[in-house]
Structure formats: structure tokens, C-alpha cells
């Protein structure tokens, strides 16, 4: 994995993410998008494993539902946004088109 792909993954998951773990996943999955989705899926699973809302009357309320929604939105964004590996494919299939614009009405 080169530095560009690593920086994209760190941008998706934060700078505190273990780079060695990301590299191991990349060599297994062979796709930065798959690595990003796997890491986000694990974070989502960790949130779902514990109660999302805990209330101790008069003391504290902890609600992680918005964190779960945020991770789900992030997963959807990673699926839709082009990954660095997708850019190479787009460049190869790029074509140049020329369009002539003609007004529909001619005014005098």
C-alpha cells in the first residue's frame, strides 16, 4: 500500500488508527474501499454489542444512538464516494466530447 492510499484510509478513520492494521487488511482484501468498510463495520458492531442508551435516574444518561447513525452515514458515504483506486479506472475510460450549443430561437 502506498502513502496516498494510507492517507486516504487515515482520513476516513482518523489519525489514531493503526497503520499496520490497515496494511494487513489491505493485503488481505486488496481494496482500500473494502478496508474502510470493514473497519467501519467493526466499529458499528461494537456499538451494537452494548446498549445504545443507558439511564441512571437523576445521575447520568448516556445515548449512543447518534454515534450509530453517524457511523451508518459514514459507511454509506464511503460506498458512494470514489476511492483512490477508482480514480485510475476513471482516467482510463475518460473520453473527450465536443458539443455545439445552438440557440433555440433567433432574435432580431
PDB file of N, CA and C in Angstrom:
ATOM      1  N   UNK A   1       0.856  -1.174   0.000  1.00  0.00           N
ATOM      2  CA  UNK A   1       0.000   0.000   0.000  1.00  0.00           C
ATOM      3  C   UNK A   1       0.898   1.232   0.000  1.00  0.00           C
ATOM      4  N   UNK A   2       0.631   2.165  -0.898  1.00  0.00           N
ATOM      5  CA  UNK A   2       1.460   3.371  -0.956  1.00  0.00           C
ATOM      6  C   UNK A   2       0.936   4.438   0.009  1.00  0.00           C
ATOM      7  N   UNK A   3       1.665   5.513   0.097  1.00  0.00           N
ATOM      8  CA  UNK A   3       1.355   6.574   1.067  1.00  0.00           C
ATOM      9  C   UNK A   3       0.019   7.258   0.765  1.00  0.00           C
ATOM     10  N   UNK A   4      -0.322   7.381  -0.522  1.00  0.00           N
ATOM     11  CA  UNK A   4      -1.569   8.027  -0.915  1.00  0.00           C
ATOM     12  C   UNK A   4      -2.781   7.223  -0.416  1.00  0.00           C
ATOM     13  N   UNK A   5      -2.743   5.899  -0.599  1.00  0.00           N
ATOM     14  CA  UNK A   5      -3.841   5.053  -0.133  1.00  0.00           C
ATOM     15  C   UNK A   5      -3.928   5.053   1.391  1.00  0.00           C
ATOM     16  N   UNK A   6      -2.775   5.008   2.053  1.00  0.00           N
ATOM     17  CA  UNK A   6      -2.745   5.035   3.518  1.00  0.00           C
ATOM     18  C   UNK A   6      -3.341   6.343   4.040  1.00  0.00           C
ATOM     19  N   UNK A   7      -2.984   7.456   3.407  1.00  0.00           N
ATOM     20  CA  UNK A   7      -3.512   8.745   3.873  1.00  0.00           C
ATOM     21  C   UNK A   7      -5.018   8.834   3.649  1.00  0.00           C
ATOM     22  N   UNK A   8      -5.532   8.228   2.577  1.00  0.00           N
ATOM     23  CA  UNK A   8      -6.974   8.226   2.343  1.00  0.00           C
ATOM     24  C   UNK A   8      -7.678   7.440   3.449  1.00  0.00           C
ATOM     25  N   UNK A   9      -7.118   6.278   3.786  1.00  0.00           N
ATOM     26  CA  UNK A   9      -7.711   5.472   4.856  1.00  0.00           C
ATOM     27  C   UNK A   9      -7.656   6.193   6.197  1.00  0.00           C
ATOM     28  N   UNK A  10      -6.548   6.846   6.485  1.00  0.00           N
ATOM     29  CA  UNK A  10      -6.438   7.589   7.752  1.00  0.00           C
ATOM     30  C   UNK A  10      -7.408   8.766   7.780  1.00  0.00           C
ATOM     31  N   UNK A  11      -7.660   9.359   6.620  1.00  0.00           N
ATOM     32  CA  UNK A  11      -8.643  10.440   6.565  1.00  0.00           C
ATOM     33  C   UNK A  11     -10.050   9.919   6.844  1.00  0.00           C
ATOM     34  N   UNK A  12     -10.321   8.680   6.459  1.00  0.00           N
ATOM     35  CA  UNK A  12     -11.638   8.090   6.695  1.00  0.00           C
ATOM     36  C   UNK A  12     -11.832   7.671   8.148  1.00  0.00           C
ATOM     37  N   UNK A  13     -10.748   7.245   8.810  1.00  0.00           N
ATOM     38  CA  UNK A  13     -10.874   6.656  10.142  1.00  0.00           C
ATOM     39  C   UNK A  13     -10.222   7.457  11.260  1.00  0.00           C
ATOM     40  N   UNK A  14      -9.499   8.495  10.934  1.00  0.00           N
ATOM     41  CA  UNK A  14      -8.848   9.302  11.949  1.00  0.00           C
ATOM     42  C   UNK A  14      -7.371   8.963  12.069  1.00  0.00           C
ATOM     43  N   UNK A  15      -6.567   9.919  12.501  1.00  0.00           N
ATOM     44  CA  UNK A  15      -5.118   9.735  12.550  1.00  0.00           C
ATOM     45  C   UNK A  15      -4.643   8.743  13.611  1.00  0.00           C
ATOM     46  N   UNK A  16      -5.491   8.403  14.566  1.00  0.00           N
ATOM     47  CA  UNK A  16      -5.090   7.469  15.619  1.00  0.00           C
ATOM     48  C   UNK A  16      -5.245   6.007  15.215  1.00  0.00           C
ATOM     49  N   UNK A  17      -5.740   5.756  14.002  1.00  0.00           N
ATOM     50  CA  UNK A  17      -5.925   4.388  13.521  1.00  0.00           C
ATOM     51  C   UNK A  17      -4.570   3.745  13.267  1.00  0.00           C
ATOM     52  N   UNK A  18      -4.438   2.480  13.628  1.00  0.00           N
ATOM     53  CA  UNK A  18      -3.196   1.735  13.470  1.00  0.00           C
ATOM     54  C   UNK A  18      -2.907   1.484  11.987  1.00  0.00           C
ATOM     55  N   UNK A  19      -1.831   2.072  11.467  1.00  0.00           N
ATOM     56  CA  UNK A  19      -1.470   1.921  10.059  1.00  0.00           C
ATOM     57  C   UNK A  19      -1.089   0.483   9.718  1.00  0.00           C
ATOM     58  N   UNK A  20      -0.449  -0.207  10.648  1.00  0.00           N
ATOM     59  CA  UNK A  20      -0.065  -1.596  10.391  1.00  0.00           C
ATOM     60  C   UNK A  20      -1.308  -2.476  10.226  1.00  0.00           C
ATOM     61  N   UNK A  21      -2.338  -2.218  11.013  1.00  0.00           N
ATOM     62  CA  UNK A  21      -3.585  -2.963  10.884  1.00  0.00           C
ATOM     63  C   UNK A  21      -4.231  -2.687   9.528  1.00  0.00           C
ATOM     64  N   UNK A  22      -4.205  -1.429   9.114  1.00  0.00           N
ATOM     65  CA  UNK A  22      -4.770  -1.086   7.804  1.00  0.00           C
ATOM     66  C   UNK A  22      -4.013  -1.782   6.676  1.00  0.00           C
ATOM     67  N   UNK A  23      -2.691  -1.855   6.789  1.00  0.00           N
ATOM     68  CA  UNK A  23      -1.902  -2.536   5.756  1.00  0.00           C
ATOM     69  C   UNK A  23      -2.214  -4.020   5.697  1.00  0.00           C
ATOM     70  N   UNK A  24      -2.330  -4.670   6.858  1.00  0.00           N
ATOM     71  CA  UNK A  24      -2.672  -6.100   6.870  1.00  0.00           C
ATOM     72  C   UNK A  24      -4.022  -6.335   6.214  1.00  0.00           C
ATOM     73  N   UNK A  25      -4.978  -5.491   6.518  1.00  0.00           N
ATOM     74  CA  UNK A  25      -6.305  -5.623   5.908  1.00  0.00           C
ATOM     75  C   UNK A  25      -6.236  -5.391   4.397  1.00  0.00           C
ATOM     76  N   UNK A  26      -5.425  -4.414   3.978  1.00  0.00           N
ATOM     77  CA  UNK A  26      -5.315  -4.125   2.555  1.00  0.00           C
ATOM     78  C   UNK A  26      -4.720  -5.307   1.794  1.00  0.00           C
ATOM     79  N   UNK A  27      -3.694  -5.933   2.344  1.00  0.00           N
ATOM     80  CA  UNK A  27      -3.089  -7.070   1.664  1.00  0.00           C
ATOM     81  C   UNK A  27      -4.034  -8.270   1.619  1.00  0.00           C
ATOM     82  N   UNK A  28      -4.938  -8.361   2.576  1.00  0.00           N
ATOM     83  CA  UNK A  28      -5.923  -9.442   2.565  1.00  0.00           C
ATOM     84  C   UNK A  28      -7.074  -9.141   1.614  1.00  0.00           C
ATOM     85  N   UNK A  29      -7.560  -7.887   1.625  1.00  0.00           N
ATOM     86  CA  UNK A  29      -8.762  -7.529   0.857  1.00  0.00           C
ATOM     87  C   UNK A  29      -8.461  -6.944  -0.523  1.00  0.00           C
ATOM     88  N   UNK A  30      -7.281  -6.363  -0.702  1.00  0.00           N
ATOM     89  CA  UNK A  30      -6.847  -5.793  -1.982  1.00  0.00           C
ATOM     90  C   UNK A  30      -7.683  -4.610  -2.468  1.00  0.00           C
ATOM     91  N   UNK A  31      -8.317  -3.895  -1.548  1.00  0.00           N
ATOM     92  CA  UNK A  31      -9.117  -2.734  -1.915  1.00  0.00           C
ATOM     93  C   UNK A  31      -9.206  -1.796  -0.720  1.00  0.00           C
ATOM     94  N   UNK A  32      -8.901  -0.512  -0.935  1.00  0.00           N
ATOM     95  CA  UNK A  32      -8.985   0.436   0.181  1.00  0.00           C
ATOM     96  C   UNK A  32     -10.432   0.664   0.594  1.00  0.00           C
ATOM     97  N   UNK A  33     -11.346   0.608  -0.365  1.00  0.00           N
ATOM     98  CA  UNK A  33     -12.758   0.763  -0.017  1.00  0.00           C
ATOM     99  C   UNK A  33     -13.202  -0.398   0.873  1.00  0.00           C
ATOM    100  N   UNK A  34     -12.786  -1.618   0.542  1.00  0.00           N
ATOM    101  CA  UNK A  34     -13.145  -2.777   1.361  1.00  0.00           C
ATOM    102  C   UNK A  34     -12.552  -2.667   2.758  1.00  0.00           C
ATOM    103  N   UNK A  35     -11.336  -2.150   2.865  1.00  0.00           N
ATOM    104  CA  UNK A  35     -10.710  -1.948   4.174  1.00  0.00           C
ATOM    105  C   UNK A  35     -11.516  -0.928   4.976  1.00  0.00           C
ATOM    106  N   UNK A  36     -11.865   0.184   4.348  1.00  0.00           N
ATOM    107  CA  UNK A  36     -12.619   1.227   5.043  1.00  0.00           C
ATOM    108  C   UNK A  36     -13.966   0.693   5.515  1.00  0.00           C
ATOM    109  N   UNK A  37     -14.655  -0.072   4.658  1.00  0.00           N
ATOM    110  CA  UNK A  37     -15.956  -0.608   5.037  1.00  0.00           C
ATOM    111  C   UNK A  37     -15.837  -1.658   6.142  1.00  0.00           C
ATOM    112  N   UNK A  38     -14.765  -2.438   6.113  1.00  0.00           N
ATOM    113  CA  UNK A  38     -14.578  -3.437   7.160  1.00  0.00           C
ATOM    114  C   UNK A  38     -14.326  -2.777   8.516  1.00  0.00           C
ATOM    115  N   UNK A  39     -13.487  -1.762   8.552  1.00  0.00           N
ATOM    116  CA  UNK A  39     -13.201  -1.066   9.814  1.00  0.00           C
ATOM    117  C   UNK A  39     -14.460  -0.382  10.346  1.00  0.00           C
ATOM    118  N   UNK A  40     -15.200   0.276   9.464  1.00  0.00           N
ATOM    119  CA  UNK A  40     -16.437   0.928   9.899  1.00  0.00           C
ATOM    120  C   UNK A  40     -17.472  -0.096  10.350  1.00  0.00           C
ATOM    121  N   UNK A  41     -17.526  -1.236   9.681  1.00  0.00           N
ATOM    122  CA  UNK A  41     -18.449  -2.292  10.091  1.00  0.00           C
ATOM    123  C   UNK A  41     -18.112  -2.823  11.476  1.00  0.00           C
ATOM    124  N   UNK A  42     -16.818  -2.952  11.776  1.00  0.00           N
ATOM    125  CA  UNK A  42     -16.418  -3.393  13.117  1.00  0.00           C
ATOM    126  C   UNK A  42     -16.791  -2.362  14.167  1.00  0.00           C
ATOM    127  N   UNK A  43     -16.601  -1.088  13.854  1.00  0.00           N
ATOM    128  CA  UNK A  43     -16.980  -0.040  14.818  1.00  0.00           C
ATOM    129  C   UNK A  43     -18.482  -0.055  15.064  1.00  0.00           C
ATOM    130  N   UNK A  44     -19.252  -0.272  13.999  1.00  0.00           N
ATOM    131  CA  UNK A  44     -20.706  -0.346  14.117  1.00  0.00           C
ATOM    132  C   UNK A  44     -21.097  -1.550  14.980  1.00  0.00           C
ATOM    133  N   UNK A  45     -20.449  -2.684  14.752  1.00  0.00           N
ATOM    134  CA  UNK A  45     -20.756  -3.893  15.522  1.00  0.00           C
ATOM    135  C   UNK A  45     -20.438  -3.708  17.008  1.00  0.00           C
ATOM    136  N   UNK A  46     -19.346  -2.995  17.311  1.00  0.00           N
ATOM    137  CA  UNK A  46     -19.006  -2.730  18.717  1.00  0.00           C
ATOM    138  C   UNK A  46     -20.083  -1.890  19.390  1.00  0.00           C
ATOM    139  N   UNK A  47     -20.602  -0.898  18.660  1.00  0.00           N
ATOM    140  CA  UNK A  47     -21.674  -0.084  19.240  1.00  0.00           C
ATOM    141  C   UNK A  47     -22.934  -0.909  19.460  1.00  0.00           C
ATOM    142  N   UNK A  48     -23.250  -1.787  18.523  1.00  0.00           N
ATOM    143  CA  UNK A  48     -24.462  -2.595  18.648  1.00  0.00           C
ATOM    144  C   UNK A  48     -24.347  -3.666  19.720  1.00  0.00           C
ATOM    145  N   UNK A  49     -23.130  -4.067  20.061  1.00  0.00           N
ATOM    146  CA  UNK A  49     -22.929  -5.106  21.075  1.00  0.00           C
ATOM    147  C   UNK A  49     -23.309  -4.625  22.469  1.00  0.00           C
ATOM    148  N   UNK A  50     -23.225  -3.338  22.705  1.00  0.00           N
ATOM    149  CA  UNK A  50     -23.564  -2.757  24.004  1.00  0.00           C
ATOM    150  C   UNK A  50     -24.885  -2.003  23.891  1.00  0.00           C
ATOM    151  N   UNK A  51     -25.547  -1.757  25.019  1.00  0.00           N
ATOM    152  CA  UNK A  51     -26.777  -0.963  24.973  1.00  0.00           C
ATOM    153  C   UNK A  51     -26.499   0.435  24.406  1.00  0.00           C
ATOM    154  N   UNK A  52     -27.400   0.905  23.555  1.00  0.00           N
ATOM    155  CA  UNK A  52     -27.209   2.224  22.954  1.00  0.00           C
ATOM    156  C   UNK A  52     -27.600   3.351  23.896  1.00  0.00           C
ATOM    157  N   UNK A  53     -28.487   3.054  24.845  1.00  0.00           N
ATOM    158  CA  UNK A  53     -28.927   4.103  25.764  1.00  0.00           C
ATOM    159  C   UNK A  53     -28.962   3.554  27.178  1.00  0.00           C
ATOM    160  N   UNK A  54     -28.296   4.252  28.087  1.00  0.00           N
ATOM    161  CA  UNK A  54     -28.268   3.865  29.497  1.00  0.00           C
ATOM    162  C   UNK A  54     -28.659   5.090  30.310  1.00  0.00           C
ATOM    163  N   UNK A  55     -29.587   4.891  31.242  1.00  0.00           N
ATOM    164  CA  UNK A  55     -30.034   5.981  32.098  1.00  0.00           C
ATOM    165  C   UNK A  55     -29.975   5.544  33.552  1.00  0.00           C
ATOM    166  N   UNK A  56     -29.298   6.352  34.360  1.00  0.00           N
ATOM    167  CA  UNK A  56     -29.320   6.178  35.807  1.00  0.00           C
ATOM    168  C   UNK A  56     -30.079   7.397  36.329  1.00  0.00           C
ATOM    169  N   UNK A  57     -31.264   7.145  36.876  1.00  0.00           N
ATOM    170  CA  UNK A  57     -32.166   8.236  37.249  1.00  0.00           C
ATOM    171  C   UNK A  57     -31.481   9.268  38.130  1.00  0.00           C
ATOM    172  N   UNK A  58     -31.551  10.498  37.678  1.00  0.00           N
ATOM    173  CA  UNK A  58     -31.022  11.611  38.438  1.00  0.00           C
ATOM    174  C   UNK A  58     -29.510  11.722  38.438  1.00  0.00           C
ATOM    175  N   UNK A  59     -28.812  10.812  37.776  1.00  0.00           N
ATOM    176  CA  UNK A  59     -27.354  10.853  37.796  1.00  0.00           C
ATOM    177  C   UNK A  59     -26.793  11.118  36.402  1.00  0.00           C
ATOM    178  N   UNK A  60     -27.056  10.208  35.478  1.00  0.00           N
ATOM    179  CA  UNK A  60     -26.456  10.329  34.152  1.00  0.00           C
ATOM    180  C   UNK A  60     -27.324   9.619  33.120  1.00  0.00           C
ATOM    181  N   UNK A  61     -27.283  10.126  31.905  1.00  0.00           N
ATOM    182  CA  UNK A  61     -27.894   9.472  30.754  1.00  0.00           C
ATOM    183  C   UNK A  61     -26.850   9.421  29.646  1.00  0.00           C
ATOM    184  N   UNK A  62     -26.633   8.243  29.093  1.00  0.00           N
ATOM    185  CA  UNK A  62     -25.674   8.079  28.005  1.00  0.00           C
ATOM    186  C   UNK A  62     -26.436   7.536  26.804  1.00  0.00           C
ATOM    187  N   UNK A  63     -26.393   8.252  25.680  1.00  0.00           N
ATOM    188  CA  UNK A  63     -27.127   7.865  24.476  1.00  0.00           C
ATOM    189  C   UNK A  63     -26.155   7.800  23.311  1.00  0.00           C
ATOM    190  N   UNK A  64     -25.951   6.613  22.761  1.00  0.00           N
ATOM    191  CA  UNK A  64     -25.015   6.413  21.653  1.00  0.00           C
ATOM    192  C   UNK A  64     -25.722   6.227  20.319  1.00  0.00           C
ATOM    193  N   UNK A  65     -27.015   6.499  20.266  1.00  0.00           N
ATOM    194  CA  UNK A  65     -27.766   6.305  19.027  1.00  0.00           C
ATOM    195  C   UNK A  65     -27.272   7.214  17.907  1.00  0.00           C
ATOM    196  N   UNK A  66     -26.925   8.434  18.226  1.00  0.00           N
ATOM    197  CA  UNK A  66     -26.412   9.354  17.199  1.00  0.00           C
ATOM    198  C   UNK A  66     -25.049   8.899  16.689  1.00  0.00           C
ATOM    199  N   UNK A  67     -24.234   8.301  17.571  1.00  0.00           N
ATOM    200  CA  UNK A  67     -22.950   7.758  17.119  1.00  0.00           C
ATOM    201  C   UNK A  67     -23.182   6.644  16.104  1.00  0.00           C
ATOM    202  N   UNK A  68     -24.163   5.787  16.374  1.00  0.00           N
ATOM    203  CA  UNK A  68     -24.500   4.707  15.455  1.00  0.00           C
ATOM    204  C   UNK A  68     -24.993   5.265  14.124  1.00  0.00           C
ATOM    205  N   UNK A  69     -25.853   6.243  14.166  1.00  0.00           N
ATOM    206  CA  UNK A  69     -26.342   6.867  12.926  1.00  0.00           C
ATOM    207  C   UNK A  69     -25.205   7.523  12.155  1.00  0.00           C
ATOM    208  N   UNK A  70     -24.282   8.133  12.870  1.00  0.00           N
ATOM    209  CA  UNK A  70     -23.129   8.754  12.214  1.00  0.00           C
ATOM    210  C   UNK A  70     -22.252   7.735  11.506  1.00  0.00           C
ATOM    211  N   UNK A  71     -22.017   6.598  12.155  1.00  0.00           N
ATOM    212  CA  UNK A  71     -21.210   5.551  11.514  1.00  0.00           C
ATOM    213  C   UNK A  71     -21.942   4.987  10.303  1.00  0.00           C
ATOM    214  N   UNK A  72     -23.251   4.814  10.393  1.00  0.00           N
ATOM    215  CA  UNK A  72     -24.012   4.311   9.254  1.00  0.00           C
ATOM    216  C   UNK A  72     -23.989   5.299   8.089  1.00  0.00           C
ATOM    217  N   UNK A  73     -24.048   6.601   8.389  1.00  0.00           N
ATOM    218  CA  UNK A  73     -23.927   7.608   7.318  1.00  0.00           C
ATOM    219  C   UNK A  73     -22.533   7.576   6.707  1.00  0.00           C
ATOM    220  N   UNK A  74     -21.535   7.370   7.550  1.00  0.00           N
ATOM    221  CA  UNK A  74     -20.150   7.295   7.067  1.00  0.00           C
ATOM    222  C   UNK A  74     -19.965   6.074   6.164  1.00  0.00           C
ATOM    223  N   UNK A  75     -20.543   4.945   6.530  1.00  0.00           N
ATOM    224  CA  UNK A  75     -20.474   3.746   5.692  1.00  0.00           C
ATOM    225  C   UNK A  75     -21.100   4.021   4.327  1.00  0.00           C
ATOM    226  N   UNK A  76     -22.244   4.658   4.323  1.00  0.00           N
ATOM    227  CA  UNK A  76     -22.917   4.967   3.060  1.00  0.00           C
ATOM    228  C   UNK A  76     -22.092   5.934   2.211  1.00  0.00           C
ATOM    229  N   UNK A  77     -21.451   6.906   2.867  1.00  0.00           N
ATOM    230  CA  UNK A  77     -20.609   7.853   2.138  1.00  0.00           C
ATOM    231  C   UNK A  77     -19.396   7.165   1.512  1.00  0.00           C
ATOM    232  N   UNK A  78     -18.786   6.233   2.239  1.00  0.00           N
ATOM    233  CA  UNK A  78     -17.629   5.508   1.700  1.00  0.00           C
ATOM    234  C   UNK A  78     -18.048   4.669   0.504  1.00  0.00           C
ATOM    235  N   UNK A  79     -19.259   4.120   0.538  1.00  0.00           N
ATOM    236  CA  UNK A  79     -19.746   3.339  -0.606  1.00  0.00           C
ATOM    237  C   UNK A  79     -19.956   4.217  -1.838  1.00  0.00           C
ATOM    238  N   UNK A  80     -20.337   5.475  -1.649  1.00  0.00           N
ATOM    239  CA  UNK A  80     -20.687   6.337  -2.774  1.00  0.00           C
ATOM    240  C   UNK A  80     -19.520   7.172  -3.288  1.00  0.00           C
ATOM    241  N   UNK A  81     -18.641   7.598  -2.404  1.00  0.00           N
ATOM    242  CA  UNK A  81     -17.534   8.478  -2.799  1.00  0.00           C
ATOM    243  C   UNK A  81     -16.473   7.649  -3.517  1.00  0.00           C
ATOM    244  N   UNK A  82     -15.890   8.185  -4.592  1.00  0.00           N
ATOM    245  CA  UNK A  82     -14.837   7.431  -5.280  1.00  0.00           C
ATOM    246  C   UNK A  82     -13.615   7.239  -4.387  1.00  0.00           C
ATOM    247  N   UNK A  83     -13.118   6.017  -4.364  1.00  0.00           N
ATOM    248  CA  UNK A  83     -11.895   5.701  -3.628  1.00  0.00           C
ATOM    249  C   UNK A  83     -10.697   5.980  -4.531  1.00  0.00           C
ATOM    250  N   UNK A  84      -9.513   6.126  -3.971  1.00  0.00           N
ATOM    251  CA  UNK A  84      -8.332   6.408  -4.804  1.00  0.00           C
ATOM    252  C   UNK A  84      -8.109   5.360  -5.887  1.00  0.00           C
ATOM    253  N   UNK A  85      -8.419   4.111  -5.612  1.00  0.00           N
ATOM    254  CA  UNK A  85      -8.229   3.068  -6.611  1.00  0.00           C
ATOM    255  C   UNK A  85      -9.230   3.202  -7.753  1.00  0.00           C
ATOM    256  N   UNK A  86     -10.372   3.848  -7.518  1.00  0.00           N
ATOM    257  CA  UNK A  86     -11.367   4.060  -8.569  1.00  0.00           C
ATOM    258  C   UNK A  86     -10.927   5.131  -9.552  1.00  0.00           C
ATOM    259  N   UNK A  87     -10.107   6.070  -9.106  1.00  0.00           N
ATOM    260  CA  UNK A  87      -9.688   7.171  -9.957  1.00  0.00           C
ATOM    261  C   UNK A  87      -8.879   6.686 -11.149  1.00  0.00           C
ATOM    262  N   UNK A  88      -8.065   5.640 -10.986  1.00  0.00           N
ATOM    263  CA  UNK A  88      -7.289   5.115 -12.095  1.00  0.00           C
ATOM    264  C   UNK A  88      -8.205   4.563 -13.184  1.00  0.00           C
ATOM    265  N   UNK A  89      -9.276   3.884 -12.789  1.00  0.00           N
ATOM    266  CA  UNK A  89     -10.219   3.342 -13.753  1.00  0.00           C
ATOM    267  C   UNK A  89     -10.938   4.460 -14.486  1.00  0.00           C
ATOM    268  N   UNK A  90     -11.293   5.539 -13.786  1.00  0.00           N
ATOM    269  CA  UNK A  90     -11.985   6.655 -14.420  1.00  0.00           C
ATOM    270  C   UNK A  90     -11.107   7.334 -15.451  1.00  0.00           C
ATOM    271  N   UNK A  91      -9.821   7.489 -15.164  1.00  0.00           N
ATOM    272  CA  UNK A  91      -8.928   8.135 -16.104  1.00  0.00           C
ATOM    273  C   UNK A  91      -8.781   7.313 -17.373  1.00  0.00           C
ATOM    274  N   UNK A  92      -8.776   6.011 -17.260  1.00  0.00           N
ATOM    275  CA  UNK A  92      -8.618   5.152 -18.424  1.00  0.00           C
ATOM    276  C   UNK A  92      -9.851   5.199 -19.313  1.00  0.00           C
ATOM    277  N   UNK A  93     -11.020   5.408 -18.737  1.00  0.00           N
ATOM    278  CA  UNK A  93     -12.246   5.405 -19.531  1.00  0.00           C
ATOM    279  C   UNK A  93     -12.728   6.811 -19.891  1.00  0.00           C
ATOM    280  N   UNK A  94     -11.935   7.823 -19.624  1.00  0.00           N
ATOM    281  CA  UNK A  94     -12.325   9.190 -19.922  1.00  0.00           C
ATOM    282  C   UNK A  94     -12.295   9.435 -21.420  1.00  0.00           C
ATOM    283  N   UNK A  95     -13.309  10.108 -21.932  1.00  0.00           N
ATOM    284  CA  UNK A  95     -13.331  10.489 -23.332  1.00  0.00           C
ATOM    285  C   UNK A  95     -13.613  11.971 -23.422  1.00  0.00           C
ATOM    286  N   UNK A  96     -13.217  12.535 -24.518  1.00  0.00           N
ATOM    287  CA  UNK A  96     -13.429  13.954 -24.739  1.00  0.00           C
ATOM    288  C   UNK A  96     -14.603  14.123 -25.679  1.00  0.00           C
ATOM    289  N   UNK A  97     -15.538  14.982 -25.321  1.00  0.00           N
ATOM    290  CA  UNK A  97     -16.709  15.235 -26.153  1.00  0.00           C
ATOM    291  C   UNK A  97     -16.787  16.724 -26.443  1.00  0.00           C
ATOM    292  N   UNK A  98     -17.167  17.035 -27.670  1.00  0.00           N
ATOM    293  CA  UNK A  98     -17.346  18.421 -28.074  1.00  0.00           C
ATOM    294  C   UNK A  98     -18.808  18.599 -28.418  1.00  0.00           C
ATOM    295  N   UNK A  99     -19.417  19.632 -27.851  1.00  0.00           N
ATOM    296  CA  UNK A  99     -20.834  19.893 -28.074  1.00  0.00           C
ATOM    297  C   UNK A  99     -20.976  21.307 -28.607  1.00  0.00           C
ATOM    298  N   UNK A 100     -21.747  21.440 -29.645  1.00  0.00           N
ATOM    299  CA  UNK A 100     -22.005  22.765 -30.218  1.00  0.00           C
ATOM    300  C   UNK A 100     -23.352  23.238 -29.690  1.00  0.00           C
ATOM    301  N   UNK A 101     -23.354  24.398 -29.048  1.00  0.00           N
ATOM    302  CA  UNK A 101     -24.582  24.953 -28.497  1.00  0.00           C
ATOM    303  C   UNK A 101     -25.198  25.906 -29.505  1.00  0.00           C
ATOM    304  N   UNK A 102     -26.465  25.669 -29.816  1.00  0.00           N
ATOM    305  CA  UNK A 102     -27.180  26.487 -30.778  1.00  0.00           C
ATOM    306  C   UNK A 102     -28.428  27.007 -30.088  1.00  0.00           C
ATOM    307  N   UNK A 103     -28.690  28.322 -30.174  1.00  0.00           N
ATOM    308  CA  UNK A 103     -29.909  28.844 -29.529  1.00  0.00           C
ATOM    309  C   UNK A 103     -31.156  28.291 -30.195  1.00  0.00           C
ATOM    310  N   UNK A 104     -32.214  28.084 -29.414  1.00  0.00           N
ATOM    311  CA  UNK A 104     -33.441  27.539 -29.974  1.00  0.00           C
ATOM    312  C   UNK A 104     -34.224  28.590 -30.745  1.00  0.00           C
ATOM    313  N   UNK A 105     -34.088  29.856 -30.407  1.00  0.00           N
ATOM    314  CA  UNK A 105     -34.763  30.944 -31.114  1.00  0.00           C
ATOM    315  C   UNK A 105     -33.738  31.983 -31.507  1.00  0.00           C
ATOM    316  N   UNK A 106     -33.936  32.537 -32.628  1.00  0.00           N
ATOM    317  CA  UNK A 106     -33.065  33.638 -33.056  1.00  0.00           C
ATOM    318  C   UNK A 106     -33.855  34.940 -32.936  1.00  0.00           C
ATOM    319  N   UNK A 107     -33.272  35.892 -32.235  1.00  0.00           N
ATOM    320  CA  UNK A 107     -33.947  37.162 -32.003  1.00  0.00           C
ATOM    321  C   UNK A 107     -33.429  38.188 -32.985  1.00  0.00           C
ATOM    322  N   UNK A 108     -34.324  39.104 -33.437  1.00  0.00           N
ATOM    323  CA  UNK A 108     -33.924  40.184 -34.365  1.00  0.00           C
ATOM    324  C   UNK A 108     -33.715  41.459 -33.661  1.00  0.00           C
TER     325      UNK A 108
END
